[in-house]
Amino acid sequence: MYFVREYAAEGGLISYGPNYDDAFRQVGEIIGRVLKGERPEDLPVRQVTKIDLVINAKTANSLGLPLPAALLGRADEVIE
């Protein structure tokens, strides 16, 4: 199990972690606000709230692991 989506895409079984595209978007918003004149110390601290579950079904099949339908249904992405 990994925390970065790319590891599951490259053959890892599962990744569960922050959506880095969303995190980078938040960073861009903060930088934009600073460039428009807001003081960094006046900006709120932000935290990634979008967490992705990625399952590599191909790896699970090669390991002989059955994946429950409920788990597959909750996944944000299933790699076949």
C-alpha atoms as a PDB file:
ATOM      1  CA  MET A   1       0.000   0.000   0.000  1.00  0.00           C
ATOM      2  CA  TYR A   2       1.324   3.397  -1.000  1.00  0.00           C
ATOM      3  CA  PHE A   3       0.335   7.015  -0.508  1.00  0.00           C
ATOM      4  CA  VAL A   4       1.100   8.217  -4.054  1.00  0.00           C
ATOM      5  CA  ARG A   5      -1.161   7.291  -6.987  1.00  0.00           C
ATOM      6  CA  GLU A   6       1.759   6.721  -9.366  1.00  0.00           C
ATOM      7  CA  TYR A   7       3.016   3.745  -7.343  1.00  0.00           C
ATOM      8  CA  ALA A   8      -0.277   1.922  -7.853  1.00  0.00           C
ATOM      9  CA  ALA A   9      -0.228   2.867 -11.533  1.00  0.00           C
ATOM     10  CA  GLU A  10       3.229   1.294 -11.857  1.00  0.00           C
ATOM     11  CA  GLY A  11       2.191  -2.027 -10.335  1.00  0.00           C
ATOM     12  CA  GLY A  12       1.559  -1.442  -6.623  1.00  0.00           C
ATOM     13  CA  LEU A  13      -1.609  -2.928  -5.191  1.00  0.00           C
ATOM     14  CA  ILE A  14      -3.280   0.097  -3.585  1.00  0.00           C
ATOM     15  CA  SER A  15      -2.594   3.757  -2.975  1.00  0.00           C
ATOM     16  CA  TYR A  16      -4.502   5.920  -0.521  1.00  0.00           C
ATOM     17  CA  GLY A  17      -3.341   9.452  -0.120  1.00  0.00           C
ATOM     18  CA  PRO A  18      -3.764  13.107  -0.957  1.00  0.00           C
ATOM     19  CA  ASN A  19      -4.733  14.227  -4.414  1.00  0.00           C
ATOM     20  CA  TYR A  20      -1.629  16.201  -5.367  1.00  0.00           C
ATOM     21  CA  ASP A  21      -3.362  17.983  -8.249  1.00  0.00           C
ATOM     22  CA  ASP A  22      -5.786  19.459  -5.716  1.00  0.00           C
ATOM     23  CA  ALA A  23      -2.919  20.350  -3.357  1.00  0.00           C
ATOM     24  CA  PHE A  24      -1.002  22.136  -6.116  1.00  0.00           C
ATOM     25  CA  ARG A  25      -4.171  24.008  -7.107  1.00  0.00           C
ATOM     26  CA  GLN A  26      -4.492  25.241  -3.514  1.00  0.00           C
ATOM     27  CA  VAL A  27      -0.861  26.375  -3.547  1.00  0.00           C
ATOM     28  CA  GLY A  28      -1.541  28.307  -6.751  1.00  0.00           C
ATOM     29  CA  GLU A  29      -4.531  30.028  -5.163  1.00  0.00           C
ATOM     30  CA  ILE A  30      -2.465  31.071  -2.158  1.00  0.00           C
ATOM     31  CA  ILE A  31       0.387  32.357  -4.331  1.00  0.00           C
ATOM     32  CA  GLY A  32      -2.123  34.301  -6.417  1.00  0.00           C
ATOM     33  CA  ARG A  33      -3.530  35.950  -3.313  1.00  0.00           C
ATOM     34  CA  VAL A  34      -0.042  36.906  -2.122  1.00  0.00           C
ATOM     35  CA  LEU A  35       0.846  38.328  -5.538  1.00  0.00           C
ATOM     36  CA  LYS A  36      -2.335  40.427  -5.417  1.00  0.00           C
ATOM     37  CA  GLY A  37      -1.108  42.025  -2.191  1.00  0.00           C
ATOM     38  CA  GLU A  38      -2.467  39.942   0.679  1.00  0.00           C
ATOM     39  CA  ARG A  39      -0.057  39.342   3.524  1.00  0.00           C
ATOM     40  CA  PRO A  40       0.938  35.655   3.919  1.00  0.00           C
ATOM     41  CA  GLU A  41       0.470  35.788   7.687  1.00  0.00           C
ATOM     42  CA  ASP A  42      -3.172  36.838   7.169  1.00  0.00           C
ATOM     43  CA  LEU A  43      -3.985  33.807   5.016  1.00  0.00           C
ATOM     44  CA  PRO A  44      -5.510  30.709   6.611  1.00  0.00           C
ATOM     45  CA  VAL A  45      -3.556  27.484   6.898  1.00  0.00           C
ATOM     46  CA  ARG A  46      -4.976  24.985   4.420  1.00  0.00           C
ATOM     47  CA  GLN A  47      -4.888  21.229   4.333  1.00  0.00           C
ATOM     48  CA  VAL A  48      -5.581  18.790   1.525  1.00  0.00           C
ATOM     49  CA  THR A  49      -9.093  17.453   1.936  1.00  0.00           C
ATOM     50  CA  LYS A  50      -9.365  15.305  -1.201  1.00  0.00           C
ATOM     51  CA  ILE A  51      -7.967  11.829  -0.558  1.00  0.00           C
ATOM     52  CA  ASP A  52      -7.867   9.311  -3.414  1.00  0.00           C
ATOM     53  CA  LEU A  53      -8.130   5.525  -3.240  1.00  0.00           C
ATOM     54  CA  VAL A  54      -6.553   3.862  -6.283  1.00  0.00           C
ATOM     55  CA  ILE A  55      -6.672   0.079  -6.697  1.00  0.00           C
ATOM     56  CA  ASN A  56      -4.624  -1.867  -9.223  1.00  0.00           C
ATOM     57  CA  ALA A  57      -6.927  -4.800 -10.065  1.00  0.00           C
ATOM     58  CA  LYS A  58      -4.328  -6.246 -12.414  1.00  0.00           C
ATOM     59  CA  THR A  59      -1.843  -6.606  -9.529  1.00  0.00           C
ATOM     60  CA  ALA A  60      -4.539  -8.047  -7.255  1.00  0.00           C
ATOM     61  CA  ASN A  61      -5.383 -10.658  -9.876  1.00  0.00           C
ATOM     62  CA  SER A  62      -1.731 -11.617 -10.345  1.00  0.00           C
ATOM     63  CA  LEU A  63      -1.420 -12.060  -6.555  1.00  0.00           C
ATOM     64  CA  GLY A  64      -4.627 -14.086  -6.396  1.00  0.00           C
ATOM     65  CA  LEU A  65      -6.324 -11.552  -4.108  1.00  0.00           C
ATOM     66  CA  PRO A  66     -10.075 -11.251  -4.430  1.00  0.00           C
ATOM     67  CA  LEU A  67     -11.261  -7.657  -4.254  1.00  0.00           C
ATOM     68  CA  PRO A  68     -14.648  -7.098  -2.603  1.00  0.00           C
ATOM     69  CA  ALA A  69     -17.151  -5.249  -4.759  1.00  0.00           C
ATOM     70  CA  ALA A  70     -17.711  -2.764  -1.927  1.00  0.00           C
ATOM     71  CA  LEU A  71     -14.007  -1.835  -1.950  1.00  0.00           C
ATOM     72  CA  LEU A  72     -13.958  -1.461  -5.726  1.00  0.00           C
ATOM     73  CA  GLY A  73     -17.076   0.690  -5.491  1.00  0.00           C
ATOM     74  CA  ARG A  74     -15.393   3.084  -3.081  1.00  0.00           C
ATOM     75  CA  ALA A  75     -12.249   3.471  -5.158  1.00  0.00           C
ATOM     76  CA  ASP A  76     -11.680   6.737  -6.989  1.00  0.00           C
ATOM     77  CA  GLU A  77      -9.850   4.796  -9.690  1.00  0.00           C
ATOM     78  CA  VAL A  78      -9.483   1.108 -10.526  1.00  0.00           C
ATOM     79  CA  ILE A  79      -6.593   0.200 -12.807  1.00  0.00           C
ATOM     80  CA  GLU A  80      -7.469  -2.801 -14.977  1.00  0.00           C
END
